[in-house]
Structure formats: C-alpha cells, structure tokens
Amino acid sequence: MDATLVTAIAALLASPVAAVAAVYGSRGQARTAREGTAVTGLNSLADQLQEERADLRNQLSAMRAELAAERAETARLKALVTQLGGTP
C-alpha cells in the first residue's frame, strides 16, 4: 500500500468518528443549556416566592394591627355603653 491509499482509508475512517463526536458534543451542549435554563428558572421562581412571602407578611402585620385597633374600639364602646347604663 502506498501512502496515498493509507491516507485515504484513514480519512474515510476518521469522518464517521468526527461526525459522531460532533453529534455527541452538540447533545452535551444542548443538555448543558437546558440545565442552565432550569437553574435560572428555579432561582427566579425562588426569588418571586420570597417576594410574595414578604408581601404576605406585611399584609398579615397590617391586618393584625387593624384587628387590634378594632378590638380596642370595641372595648371602648362596650365601656361607654356600660357607663351609660346599658349592657353590651
């Protein structure tokens, strides 16, 4: 066999190997991109949930303050009714 024939055979054998390597490499890149997107999406969701939790805590705190004010007003009105001779 001469060198040209050996080179041609090597090129024929190397082409499918290179194609398989390219396909496998692109699959790895696609998988990495999907995983990166999933992680980014998860971080975004976690941030949104934390913001909503903080908002709910603020709303709960405001509702508790409002309830305390209403209870104080109810107690004041009951005392006033009692002072005026009525029964609450």
N, C-alpha and C. Protein backbone atom coordinates (compact mmCIF):
# COMPACT_ATOMS: atom_id res chain seq x y z
N MET A 1 0.84 -1.17 0.00
CA MET A 1 0.00 0.00 0.00
C MET A 1 0.89 1.24 0.00
N ASP A 2 0.46 2.15 -0.81
CA ASP A 2 1.23 3.38 -0.82
C ASP A 2 0.63 4.39 0.17
N ALA A 3 1.31 5.46 0.40
CA ALA A 3 0.93 6.45 1.41
C ALA A 3 -0.39 7.13 1.08
N THR A 4 -0.69 7.32 -0.21
CA THR A 4 -1.93 7.97 -0.61
C THR A 4 -3.12 7.11 -0.25
N LEU A 5 -3.01 5.80 -0.46
CA LEU A 5 -4.11 4.88 -0.15
C LEU A 5 -4.32 4.81 1.36
N VAL A 6 -3.26 4.77 2.13
CA VAL A 6 -3.36 4.74 3.59
C VAL A 6 -4.01 6.02 4.10
N THR A 7 -3.63 7.14 3.51
CA THR A 7 -4.21 8.43 3.91
C THR A 7 -5.70 8.47 3.58
N ALA A 8 -6.08 7.98 2.42
CA ALA A 8 -7.49 7.97 2.00
C ALA A 8 -8.31 7.08 2.92
N ILE A 9 -7.79 5.89 3.28
CA ILE A 9 -8.50 4.99 4.18
C ILE A 9 -8.64 5.62 5.57
N ALA A 10 -7.58 6.24 6.04
CA ALA A 10 -7.62 6.91 7.35
C ALA A 10 -8.65 8.04 7.34
N ALA A 11 -8.74 8.77 6.23
CA ALA A 11 -9.71 9.86 6.14
C ALA A 11 -11.13 9.31 6.13
N LEU A 12 -11.34 8.17 5.45
CA LEU A 12 -12.67 7.55 5.42
C LEU A 12 -13.07 7.04 6.80
N LEU A 13 -12.14 6.52 7.55
CA LEU A 13 -12.43 6.04 8.89
C LEU A 13 -12.61 7.19 9.89
N ALA A 14 -11.88 8.27 9.68
CA ALA A 14 -11.94 9.39 10.61
C ALA A 14 -13.22 10.21 10.44
N SER A 15 -13.80 10.24 9.26
CA SER A 15 -15.01 11.04 9.03
C SER A 15 -16.18 10.62 9.91
N PRO A 16 -16.55 9.31 9.96
CA PRO A 16 -17.66 8.93 10.84
C PRO A 16 -17.36 9.18 12.32
N VAL A 17 -16.11 8.99 12.71
CA VAL A 17 -15.73 9.24 14.10
C VAL A 17 -15.91 10.72 14.42
N ALA A 18 -15.51 11.58 13.53
CA ALA A 18 -15.66 13.02 13.73
C ALA A 18 -17.14 13.41 13.77
N ALA A 19 -17.94 12.78 12.91
CA ALA A 19 -19.38 13.09 12.90
C ALA A 19 -20.03 12.67 14.21
N VAL A 20 -19.68 11.48 14.70
CA VAL A 20 -20.25 11.01 15.97
C VAL A 20 -19.81 11.93 17.11
N ALA A 21 -18.57 12.34 17.09
CA ALA A 21 -18.07 13.24 18.13
C ALA A 21 -18.81 14.58 18.08
N ALA A 22 -19.08 15.07 16.88
CA ALA A 22 -19.80 16.35 16.75
C ALA A 22 -21.23 16.24 17.26
N VAL A 23 -21.90 15.13 16.93
CA VAL A 23 -23.28 14.93 17.40
C VAL A 23 -23.30 14.80 18.92
N TYR A 24 -22.41 14.02 19.45
CA TYR A 24 -22.35 13.85 20.90
C TYR A 24 -22.04 15.17 21.61
N GLY A 25 -21.13 15.94 21.03
CA GLY A 25 -20.78 17.24 21.60
C GLY A 25 -21.95 18.20 21.58
N SER A 26 -22.71 18.21 20.50
CA SER A 26 -23.86 19.12 20.43
C SER A 26 -24.95 18.69 21.40
N ARG A 27 -25.10 17.40 21.62
CA ARG A 27 -26.08 16.92 22.63
C ARG A 27 -25.67 17.39 24.02
N GLY A 28 -24.39 17.33 24.29
CA GLY A 28 -23.89 17.79 25.59
C GLY A 28 -24.13 19.28 25.78
N GLN A 29 -23.91 20.04 24.72
CA GLN A 29 -24.15 21.48 24.80
C GLN A 29 -25.63 21.78 25.01
N ALA A 30 -26.49 21.05 24.31
CA ALA A 30 -27.93 21.26 24.45
C ALA A 30 -28.38 20.91 25.87
N ARG A 31 -27.86 19.81 26.40
CA ARG A 31 -28.21 19.41 27.76
C ARG A 31 -27.73 20.45 28.77
N THR A 32 -26.53 20.95 28.57
CA THR A 32 -25.99 21.97 29.47
C THR A 32 -26.84 23.24 29.40
N ALA A 33 -27.28 23.61 28.21
CA ALA A 33 -28.12 24.80 28.06
C ALA A 33 -29.47 24.60 28.76
N ARG A 34 -30.05 23.40 28.62
CA ARG A 34 -31.33 23.12 29.29
C ARG A 34 -31.17 23.17 30.80
N GLU A 35 -30.11 22.58 31.30
CA GLU A 35 -29.88 22.58 32.75
C GLU A 35 -29.65 24.01 33.25
N GLY A 36 -28.92 24.81 32.49
CA GLY A 36 -28.69 26.20 32.87
C GLY A 36 -29.99 26.98 32.91
N THR A 37 -30.85 26.74 31.93
CA THR A 37 -32.16 27.40 31.89
C THR A 37 -33.00 26.97 33.08
N ALA A 38 -32.95 25.69 33.41
CA ALA A 38 -33.74 25.19 34.55
C ALA A 38 -33.27 25.82 35.85
N VAL A 39 -31.97 25.93 36.02
CA VAL A 39 -31.43 26.52 37.25
C VAL A 39 -31.81 28.00 37.34
N THR A 40 -31.69 28.70 36.21
CA THR A 40 -32.07 30.11 36.19
C THR A 40 -33.55 30.28 36.50
N GLY A 41 -34.38 29.42 35.90
CA GLY A 41 -35.82 29.47 36.17
C GLY A 41 -36.13 29.18 37.63
N LEU A 42 -35.44 28.23 38.20
CA LEU A 42 -35.65 27.89 39.60
C LEU A 42 -35.25 29.06 40.51
N ASN A 43 -34.14 29.69 40.21
CA ASN A 43 -33.72 30.85 41.01
C ASN A 43 -34.73 31.98 40.91
N SER A 44 -35.24 32.20 39.70
CA SER A 44 -36.24 33.25 39.50
C SER A 44 -37.51 32.94 40.28
N LEU A 45 -37.94 31.69 40.24
CA LEU A 45 -39.13 31.28 40.98
C LEU A 45 -38.93 31.45 42.48
N ALA A 46 -37.76 31.06 42.97
CA ALA A 46 -37.47 31.20 44.40
C ALA A 46 -37.49 32.68 44.81
N ASP A 47 -36.94 33.54 43.96
CA ASP A 47 -36.96 34.98 44.26
C ASP A 47 -38.39 35.51 44.31
N GLN A 48 -39.22 35.09 43.35
CA GLN A 48 -40.61 35.53 43.33
C GLN A 48 -41.36 35.06 44.57
N LEU A 49 -41.12 33.82 44.96
CA LEU A 49 -41.78 33.29 46.15
C LEU A 49 -41.36 34.04 47.41
N GLN A 50 -40.10 34.39 47.50
CA GLN A 50 -39.63 35.15 48.66
C GLN A 50 -40.26 36.54 48.70
N GLU A 51 -40.41 37.16 47.53
CA GLU A 51 -41.06 38.48 47.48
C GLU A 51 -42.53 38.37 47.89
N GLU A 52 -43.21 37.34 47.40
CA GLU A 52 -44.61 37.14 47.77
C GLU A 52 -44.74 36.86 49.26
N ARG A 53 -43.81 36.10 49.80
CA ARG A 53 -43.85 35.80 51.23
C ARG A 53 -43.67 37.07 52.05
N ALA A 54 -42.76 37.93 51.62
CA ALA A 54 -42.55 39.20 52.33
C ALA A 54 -43.81 40.07 52.24
N ASP A 55 -44.44 40.09 51.06
CA ASP A 55 -45.68 40.86 50.90
C ASP A 55 -46.78 40.32 51.81
N LEU A 56 -46.89 39.01 51.88
CA LEU A 56 -47.91 38.40 52.73
C LEU A 56 -47.64 38.69 54.21
N ARG A 57 -46.38 38.69 54.58
CA ARG A 57 -46.04 39.04 55.97
C ARG A 57 -46.44 40.47 56.29
N ASN A 58 -46.19 41.38 55.34
CA ASN A 58 -46.57 42.77 55.53
C ASN A 58 -48.09 42.91 55.63
N GLN A 59 -48.81 42.20 54.77
CA GLN A 59 -50.27 42.24 54.82
C GLN A 59 -50.78 41.69 56.13
N LEU A 60 -50.20 40.59 56.59
CA LEU A 60 -50.62 39.99 57.85
C LEU A 60 -50.36 40.94 59.01
N SER A 61 -49.22 41.58 58.99
CA SER A 61 -48.91 42.53 60.05
C SER A 61 -49.91 43.68 60.05
N ALA A 62 -50.26 44.18 58.87
CA ALA A 62 -51.25 45.27 58.78
C ALA A 62 -52.62 44.80 59.27
N MET A 63 -52.99 43.57 58.92
CA MET A 63 -54.28 43.02 59.35
C MET A 63 -54.32 42.85 60.87
N ARG A 64 -53.20 42.41 61.44
CA ARG A 64 -53.15 42.26 62.90
C ARG A 64 -53.29 43.61 63.59
N ALA A 65 -52.63 44.62 63.05
CA ALA A 65 -52.74 45.97 63.62
C ALA A 65 -54.17 46.48 63.52
N GLU A 66 -54.81 46.23 62.38
CA GLU A 66 -56.21 46.64 62.19
C GLU A 66 -57.12 45.91 63.16
N LEU A 67 -56.89 44.61 63.35
CA LEU A 67 -57.70 43.83 64.28
C LEU A 67 -57.52 44.34 65.71
N ALA A 68 -56.29 44.66 66.08
CA ALA A 68 -56.03 45.18 67.42
C ALA A 68 -56.75 46.52 67.62
N ALA A 69 -56.74 47.36 66.59
CA ALA A 69 -57.43 48.65 66.69
C ALA A 69 -58.95 48.44 66.81
N GLU A 70 -59.48 47.49 66.06
CA GLU A 70 -60.92 47.22 66.14
C GLU A 70 -61.30 46.65 67.51
N ARG A 71 -60.44 45.79 68.06
CA ARG A 71 -60.73 45.25 69.39
C ARG A 71 -60.69 46.35 70.45
N ALA A 72 -59.74 47.27 70.32
CA ALA A 72 -59.66 48.39 71.26
C ALA A 72 -60.90 49.27 71.14
N GLU A 73 -61.35 49.50 69.91
CA GLU A 73 -62.55 50.30 69.71
C GLU A 73 -63.78 49.59 70.27
N THR A 74 -63.86 48.29 70.09
CA THR A 74 -64.99 47.52 70.64
C THR A 74 -64.99 47.60 72.15
N ALA A 75 -63.82 47.46 72.77
CA ALA A 75 -63.73 47.55 74.23
C ALA A 75 -64.12 48.95 74.70
N ARG A 76 -63.70 49.98 73.96
CA ARG A 76 -64.06 51.35 74.32
C ARG A 76 -65.57 51.56 74.24
N LEU A 77 -66.18 51.05 73.18
CA LEU A 77 -67.63 51.21 73.01
C LEU A 77 -68.41 50.43 74.07
N LYS A 78 -67.92 49.22 74.42
CA LYS A 78 -68.58 48.44 75.48
C LYS A 78 -68.51 49.20 76.80
N ALA A 79 -67.35 49.78 77.09
CA ALA A 79 -67.20 50.55 78.33
C ALA A 79 -68.13 51.76 78.32
N LEU A 80 -68.26 52.38 77.17
CA LEU A 80 -69.14 53.54 77.06
C LEU A 80 -70.60 53.15 77.26
N VAL A 81 -71.00 52.02 76.67
CA VAL A 81 -72.38 51.53 76.83
C VAL A 81 -72.64 51.22 78.31
N THR A 82 -71.69 50.56 78.95
CA THR A 82 -71.82 50.24 80.37
C THR A 82 -71.89 51.50 81.21
N GLN A 83 -71.09 52.48 80.89
CA GLN A 83 -71.08 53.75 81.62
C GLN A 83 -72.40 54.49 81.48
N LEU A 84 -73.03 54.32 80.34
CA LEU A 84 -74.31 54.99 80.12
C LEU A 84 -75.48 54.18 80.68
N GLY A 85 -75.20 53.06 81.31
CA GLY A 85 -76.24 52.28 81.99
C GLY A 85 -76.78 51.13 81.18
N GLY A 86 -76.20 50.84 80.06
CA GLY A 86 -76.68 49.74 79.23
C GLY A 86 -75.85 48.48 79.45
N THR A 87 -76.21 47.44 78.74
CA THR A 87 -75.43 46.19 78.79
C THR A 87 -74.92 45.90 77.38
N PRO A 88 -73.67 45.63 77.29
CA PRO A 88 -73.10 45.38 75.95
C PRO A 88 -73.52 44.04 75.36
